């Protein structure tokens, strides 16, 4: 699937979700304190993706129905836990995807140590949060290609924070597609 058809598919998915979003907001409001249908509550929770780096961290999130992945922000890596504590207190997040850096041959990459330390600290800070490790190979290259295909000029494409956010979004969208299959 080409990037353009992939983007078109995301737009079509969004349009079909608009009607369901109203229903989802209504149900969320009235089922907030209910224990009757936990499966519906879980379906109406977000999935967060983290593309952790030594300097910056790209973050993406799904909608409540876990259909569409959208870039949320890019923050400095030193502020990640403050950001996540605040975000988790405001939003219903059921699962967090964290990129797993690998080389082409499947071996761990140079940044694996840093990421593993982050994952360990994350698990200690948020012990009840489900963590899923996902392969993040090629996400930065795909993000850069997406920026070119989107018509961003050269100066905009040099924005590494945007590349990190798009990488997290690609990682999350790939996870959602695999989950549906």
C-alpha atoms as a PDB file:
ATOM      1  CA  UNK A   1       0.000   0.000   0.000  1.00  0.00           C
ATOM      2  CA  UNK A   2       1.484   3.361  -0.986  1.00  0.00           C
ATOM      3  CA  UNK A   3       1.757   6.202   1.506  1.00  0.00           C
ATOM      4  CA  UNK A   4      -0.878   8.218  -0.395  1.00  0.00           C
ATOM      5  CA  UNK A   5      -3.430   5.388  -0.391  1.00  0.00           C
ATOM      6  CA  UNK A   6      -2.562   4.705   3.264  1.00  0.00           C
ATOM      7  CA  UNK A   7      -3.291   8.375   4.107  1.00  0.00           C
ATOM      8  CA  UNK A   8      -6.530   8.255   2.112  1.00  0.00           C
ATOM      9  CA  UNK A   9      -7.561   5.117   3.992  1.00  0.00           C
ATOM     10  CA  UNK A  10      -6.925   6.893   7.321  1.00  0.00           C
ATOM     11  CA  UNK A  11      -9.097   9.821   6.197  1.00  0.00           C
ATOM     12  CA  UNK A  12     -11.905   7.455   5.196  1.00  0.00           C
ATOM     13  CA  UNK A  13     -11.614   5.645   8.539  1.00  0.00           C
ATOM     14  CA  UNK A  14     -11.872   8.978  10.333  1.00  0.00           C
ATOM     15  CA  UNK A  15     -15.009   9.971   8.416  1.00  0.00           C
ATOM     16  CA  UNK A  16     -16.693   6.658   9.231  1.00  0.00           C
ATOM     17  CA  UNK A  17     -15.806   7.101  12.899  1.00  0.00           C
ATOM     18  CA  UNK A  18     -17.361  10.549  13.329  1.00  0.00           C
ATOM     19  CA  UNK A  19     -20.830   9.100  13.861  1.00  0.00           C
ATOM     20  CA  UNK A  20     -19.516   6.473  16.265  1.00  0.00           C
ATOM     21  CA  UNK A  21     -17.532   9.071  18.206  1.00  0.00           C
ATOM     22  CA  UNK A  22     -20.726  10.791  19.380  1.00  0.00           C
ATOM     23  CA  UNK A  23     -22.033   7.440  20.601  1.00  0.00           C
ATOM     24  CA  UNK A  24     -18.695   6.645  22.253  1.00  0.00           C
ATOM     25  CA  UNK A  25     -18.665   9.967  24.140  1.00  0.00           C
ATOM     26  CA  UNK A  26     -22.238   9.380  25.281  1.00  0.00           C
ATOM     27  CA  UNK A  27     -21.510   5.843  26.483  1.00  0.00           C
ATOM     28  CA  UNK A  28     -18.285   6.912  28.162  1.00  0.00           C
ATOM     29  CA  UNK A  29     -20.148   9.562  30.125  1.00  0.00           C
ATOM     30  CA  UNK A  30     -22.829   7.172  31.384  1.00  0.00           C
ATOM     31  CA  UNK A  31     -20.665   4.059  31.882  1.00  0.00           C
ATOM     32  CA  UNK A  32     -17.829   5.843  33.683  1.00  0.00           C
ATOM     33  CA  UNK A  33     -18.677   4.455  37.122  1.00  0.00           C
ATOM     34  CA  UNK A  34     -20.363   1.285  35.931  1.00  0.00           C
ATOM     35  CA  UNK A  35     -18.813  -2.151  36.428  1.00  0.00           C
ATOM     36  CA  UNK A  36     -21.439  -3.841  34.276  1.00  0.00           C
ATOM     37  CA  UNK A  37     -19.612  -3.789  30.947  1.00  0.00           C
ATOM     38  CA  UNK A  38     -15.862  -3.645  31.450  1.00  0.00           C
ATOM     39  CA  UNK A  39     -15.176  -4.914  27.929  1.00  0.00           C
ATOM     40  CA  UNK A  40     -16.885  -1.846  26.485  1.00  0.00           C
ATOM     41  CA  UNK A  41     -14.872   0.391  28.784  1.00  0.00           C
ATOM     42  CA  UNK A  42     -11.664  -1.301  27.625  1.00  0.00           C
ATOM     43  CA  UNK A  43     -12.649  -0.787  24.003  1.00  0.00           C
ATOM     44  CA  UNK A  44     -13.139   2.887  24.795  1.00  0.00           C
ATOM     45  CA  UNK A  45      -9.656   3.328  26.245  1.00  0.00           C
ATOM     46  CA  UNK A  46      -6.694   4.754  24.430  1.00  0.00           C
ATOM     47  CA  UNK A  47      -3.437   3.087  23.447  1.00  0.00           C
ATOM     48  CA  UNK A  48      -0.328   5.244  23.741  1.00  0.00           C
ATOM     49  CA  UNK A  49       2.869   4.732  21.721  1.00  0.00           C
ATOM     50  CA  UNK A  50       6.276   5.965  22.859  1.00  0.00           C
ATOM     51  CA  UNK A  51       9.256   6.405  20.552  1.00  0.00           C
ATOM     52  CA  UNK A  52      11.837   6.949  23.292  1.00  0.00           C
ATOM     53  CA  UNK A  53      15.173   8.554  22.503  1.00  0.00           C
ATOM     54  CA  UNK A  54      18.057   9.951  24.510  1.00  0.00           C
ATOM     55  CA  UNK A  55      17.088  13.571  23.794  1.00  0.00           C
ATOM     56  CA  UNK A  56      13.483  13.528  22.573  1.00  0.00           C
ATOM     57  CA  UNK A  57      10.497  11.240  22.854  1.00  0.00           C
ATOM     58  CA  UNK A  58       7.734  11.091  20.276  1.00  0.00           C
ATOM     59  CA  UNK A  59       4.280  10.209  21.567  1.00  0.00           C
ATOM     60  CA  UNK A  60       1.196   9.077  19.649  1.00  0.00           C
ATOM     61  CA  UNK A  61      -2.234   8.018  20.854  1.00  0.00           C
ATOM     62  CA  UNK A  62      -5.351   6.338  19.523  1.00  0.00           C
ATOM     63  CA  UNK A  63      -8.883   7.613  19.695  1.00  0.00           C
ATOM     64  CA  UNK A  64     -11.154   6.064  22.350  1.00  0.00           C
ATOM     65  CA  UNK A  65     -12.295   3.353  19.941  1.00  0.00           C
ATOM     66  CA  UNK A  66      -8.700   2.401  19.079  1.00  0.00           C
ATOM     67  CA  UNK A  67      -9.212   2.927  15.366  1.00  0.00           C
ATOM     68  CA  UNK A  68      -7.069   5.944  14.481  1.00  0.00           C
ATOM     69  CA  UNK A  69      -3.503   6.705  15.561  1.00  0.00           C
ATOM     70  CA  UNK A  70      -2.587  10.384  15.854  1.00  0.00           C
ATOM     71  CA  UNK A  71       0.581  12.148  16.845  1.00  0.00           C
ATOM     72  CA  UNK A  72       0.229  13.677  20.288  1.00  0.00           C
ATOM     73  CA  UNK A  73       3.496  15.512  20.931  1.00  0.00           C
ATOM     74  CA  UNK A  74       7.251  15.312  21.202  1.00  0.00           C
ATOM     75  CA  UNK A  75       8.812  16.111  24.547  1.00  0.00           C
ATOM     76  CA  UNK A  76      12.282  16.088  26.027  1.00  0.00           C
ATOM     77  CA  UNK A  77      13.065  12.633  27.361  1.00  0.00           C
ATOM     78  CA  UNK A  78      13.927  13.950  30.806  1.00  0.00           C
ATOM     79  CA  UNK A  79      10.317  15.122  31.299  1.00  0.00           C
ATOM     80  CA  UNK A  80       8.613  11.919  30.099  1.00  0.00           C
ATOM     81  CA  UNK A  81       7.461  10.669  33.504  1.00  0.00           C
ATOM     82  CA  UNK A  82       5.986  14.015  34.541  1.00  0.00           C
ATOM     83  CA  UNK A  83       4.143  14.177  31.213  1.00  0.00           C
ATOM     84  CA  UNK A  84       2.862  10.586  31.468  1.00  0.00           C
ATOM     85  CA  UNK A  85       1.631  10.964  35.054  1.00  0.00           C
ATOM     86  CA  UNK A  86      -0.352  14.009  34.016  1.00  0.00           C
ATOM     87  CA  UNK A  87      -1.677  12.384  30.831  1.00  0.00           C
ATOM     88  CA  UNK A  88      -2.679   9.136  32.563  1.00  0.00           C
ATOM     89  CA  UNK A  89      -4.573  11.122  35.211  1.00  0.00           C
ATOM     90  CA  UNK A  90      -6.635  12.855  32.504  1.00  0.00           C
ATOM     91  CA  UNK A  91      -7.114  10.101  29.907  1.00  0.00           C
ATOM     92  CA  UNK A  92      -8.142   6.449  30.056  1.00  0.00           C
ATOM     93  CA  UNK A  93      -5.090   4.627  28.693  1.00  0.00           C
ATOM     94  CA  UNK A  94      -5.199   0.835  28.721  1.00  0.00           C
ATOM     95  CA  UNK A  95      -1.911  -0.031  27.018  1.00  0.00           C
ATOM     96  CA  UNK A  96       1.435   1.540  26.171  1.00  0.00           C
ATOM     97  CA  UNK A  97       3.576   0.555  23.202  1.00  0.00           C
ATOM     98  CA  UNK A  98       7.283   1.161  23.540  1.00  0.00           C
ATOM     99  CA  UNK A  99       9.592   0.896  20.565  1.00  0.00           C
ATOM    100  CA  UNK A 100      12.179  -1.837  20.588  1.00  0.00           C
ATOM    101  CA  UNK A 101      15.261  -0.824  18.590  1.00  0.00           C
ATOM    102  CA  UNK A 102      16.789  -3.614  16.545  1.00  0.00           C
ATOM    103  CA  UNK A 103      19.402  -3.881  13.854  1.00  0.00           C
ATOM    104  CA  UNK A 104      18.630  -5.336  10.445  1.00  0.00           C
ATOM    105  CA  UNK A 105      19.679  -8.820  11.593  1.00  0.00           C
ATOM    106  CA  UNK A 106      17.317  -8.692  14.600  1.00  0.00           C
ATOM    107  CA  UNK A 107      20.077  -8.092  17.147  1.00  0.00           C
ATOM    108  CA  UNK A 108      19.646  -5.301  19.717  1.00  0.00           C
ATOM    109  CA  UNK A 109      20.877  -1.885  18.536  1.00  0.00           C
ATOM    110  CA  UNK A 110      23.210   0.567  20.272  1.00  0.00           C
ATOM    111  CA  UNK A 111      20.339   2.382  22.002  1.00  0.00           C
ATOM    112  CA  UNK A 112      18.880  -0.787  23.530  1.00  0.00           C
ATOM    113  CA  UNK A 113      20.503  -0.165  26.942  1.00  0.00           C
ATOM    114  CA  UNK A 114      18.950   3.289  27.238  1.00  0.00           C
ATOM    115  CA  UNK A 115      15.525   2.029  26.166  1.00  0.00           C
ATOM    116  CA  UNK A 116      15.664  -0.960  28.530  1.00  0.00           C
ATOM    117  CA  UNK A 117      16.467   1.378  31.438  1.00  0.00           C
ATOM    118  CA  UNK A 118      13.454   3.489  30.452  1.00  0.00           C
ATOM    119  CA  UNK A 119      11.189   0.420  30.224  1.00  0.00           C
ATOM    120  CA  UNK A 120      12.323  -0.768  33.675  1.00  0.00           C
ATOM    121  CA  UNK A 121      11.666   2.640  35.229  1.00  0.00           C
ATOM    122  CA  UNK A 122       8.315   2.852  33.412  1.00  0.00           C
ATOM    123  CA  UNK A 123       7.243  -0.543  34.808  1.00  0.00           C
ATOM    124  CA  UNK A 124       8.173   0.558  38.340  1.00  0.00           C
ATOM    125  CA  UNK A 125       6.420   3.922  37.996  1.00  0.00           C
ATOM    126  CA  UNK A 126       3.260   2.522  36.373  1.00  0.00           C
ATOM    127  CA  UNK A 127       3.057  -1.101  37.569  1.00  0.00           C
ATOM    128  CA  UNK A 128      -0.558  -1.651  36.459  1.00  0.00           C
ATOM    129  CA  UNK A 129      -0.033  -0.391  32.904  1.00  0.00           C
ATOM    130  CA  UNK A 130       0.217  -3.020  30.175  1.00  0.00           C
ATOM    131  CA  UNK A 131       3.427  -2.564  28.167  1.00  0.00           C
ATOM    132  CA  UNK A 132       3.850  -3.993  24.675  1.00  0.00           C
ATOM    133  CA  UNK A 133       7.241  -3.847  22.967  1.00  0.00           C
ATOM    134  CA  UNK A 134       7.087  -3.267  19.215  1.00  0.00           C
ATOM    135  CA  UNK A 135       9.736  -3.328  16.525  1.00  0.00           C
ATOM    136  CA  UNK A 136      10.584   0.227  15.552  1.00  0.00           C
ATOM    137  CA  UNK A 137      12.881  -0.505  12.618  1.00  0.00           C
ATOM    138  CA  UNK A 138      12.364   1.852   9.680  1.00  0.00           C
ATOM    139  CA  UNK A 139       9.851   4.090  11.485  1.00  0.00           C
ATOM    140  CA  UNK A 140      12.133   7.142  11.223  1.00  0.00           C
ATOM    141  CA  UNK A 141      12.712   6.517   7.518  1.00  0.00           C
ATOM    142  CA  UNK A 142       8.991   6.014   6.974  1.00  0.00           C
ATOM    143  CA  UNK A 143       8.291   9.223   8.921  1.00  0.00           C
ATOM    144  CA  UNK A 144      10.704  11.175   6.745  1.00  0.00           C
ATOM    145  CA  UNK A 145       9.141   9.699   3.589  1.00  0.00           C
ATOM    146  CA  UNK A 146       5.689  10.669   4.908  1.00  0.00           C
ATOM    147  CA  UNK A 147       6.894  14.224   5.453  1.00  0.00           C
ATOM    148  CA  UNK A 148       8.144  14.406   1.856  1.00  0.00           C
ATOM    149  CA  UNK A 149       4.907  12.925   0.501  1.00  0.00           C
ATOM    150  CA  UNK A 150       2.917  15.404   2.574  1.00  0.00           C
ATOM    151  CA  UNK A 151       4.642  18.280   0.814  1.00  0.00           C
ATOM    152  CA  UNK A 152       6.625  19.642   3.753  1.00  0.00           C
ATOM    153  CA  UNK A 153       9.488  21.861   2.695  1.00  0.00           C
ATOM    154  CA  UNK A 154      13.124  21.089   3.511  1.00  0.00           C
ATOM    155  CA  UNK A 155      13.188  23.332   6.599  1.00  0.00           C
ATOM    156  CA  UNK A 156      10.104  21.621   8.038  1.00  0.00           C
ATOM    157  CA  UNK A 157      11.596  18.175   7.348  1.00  0.00           C
ATOM    158  CA  UNK A 158      14.643  19.070   9.465  1.00  0.00           C
ATOM    159  CA  UNK A 159      12.392  19.230  12.536  1.00  0.00           C
ATOM    160  CA  UNK A 160      13.550  16.113  14.395  1.00  0.00           C
ATOM    161  CA  UNK A 161      10.755  16.471  16.948  1.00  0.00           C
ATOM    162  CA  UNK A 162       8.201  16.069  14.171  1.00  0.00           C
ATOM    163  CA  UNK A 163      10.031  12.991  12.873  1.00  0.00           C
ATOM    164  CA  UNK A 164       9.844  11.443  16.379  1.00  0.00           C
ATOM    165  CA  UNK A 165       6.116  12.159  16.682  1.00  0.00           C
ATOM    166  CA  UNK A 166       5.374  10.739  13.244  1.00  0.00           C
ATOM    167  CA  UNK A 167       7.527   7.678  14.035  1.00  0.00           C
ATOM    168  CA  UNK A 168       5.454   7.001  17.154  1.00  0.00           C
ATOM    169  CA  UNK A 169       2.284   7.408  15.072  1.00  0.00           C
ATOM    170  CA  UNK A 170       3.507   4.943  12.444  1.00  0.00           C
ATOM    171  CA  UNK A 171       4.450   2.455  15.162  1.00  0.00           C
ATOM    172  CA  UNK A 172       0.971   2.757  16.694  1.00  0.00           C
ATOM    173  CA  UNK A 173      -0.895   2.576  13.389  1.00  0.00           C
ATOM    174  CA  UNK A 174       1.075  -0.545  12.439  1.00  0.00           C
ATOM    175  CA  UNK A 175       0.112  -2.121  15.768  1.00  0.00           C
ATOM    176  CA  UNK A 176      -3.571  -1.303  15.197  1.00  0.00           C
ATOM    177  CA  UNK A 177      -3.491  -2.829  11.713  1.00  0.00           C
ATOM    178  CA  UNK A 178      -1.827  -6.016  13.006  1.00  0.00           C
ATOM    179  CA  UNK A 179      -4.368  -6.216  15.833  1.00  0.00           C
ATOM    180  CA  UNK A 180      -7.237  -6.122  13.323  1.00  0.00           C
ATOM    181  CA  UNK A 181      -5.839  -8.960  11.188  1.00  0.00           C
END
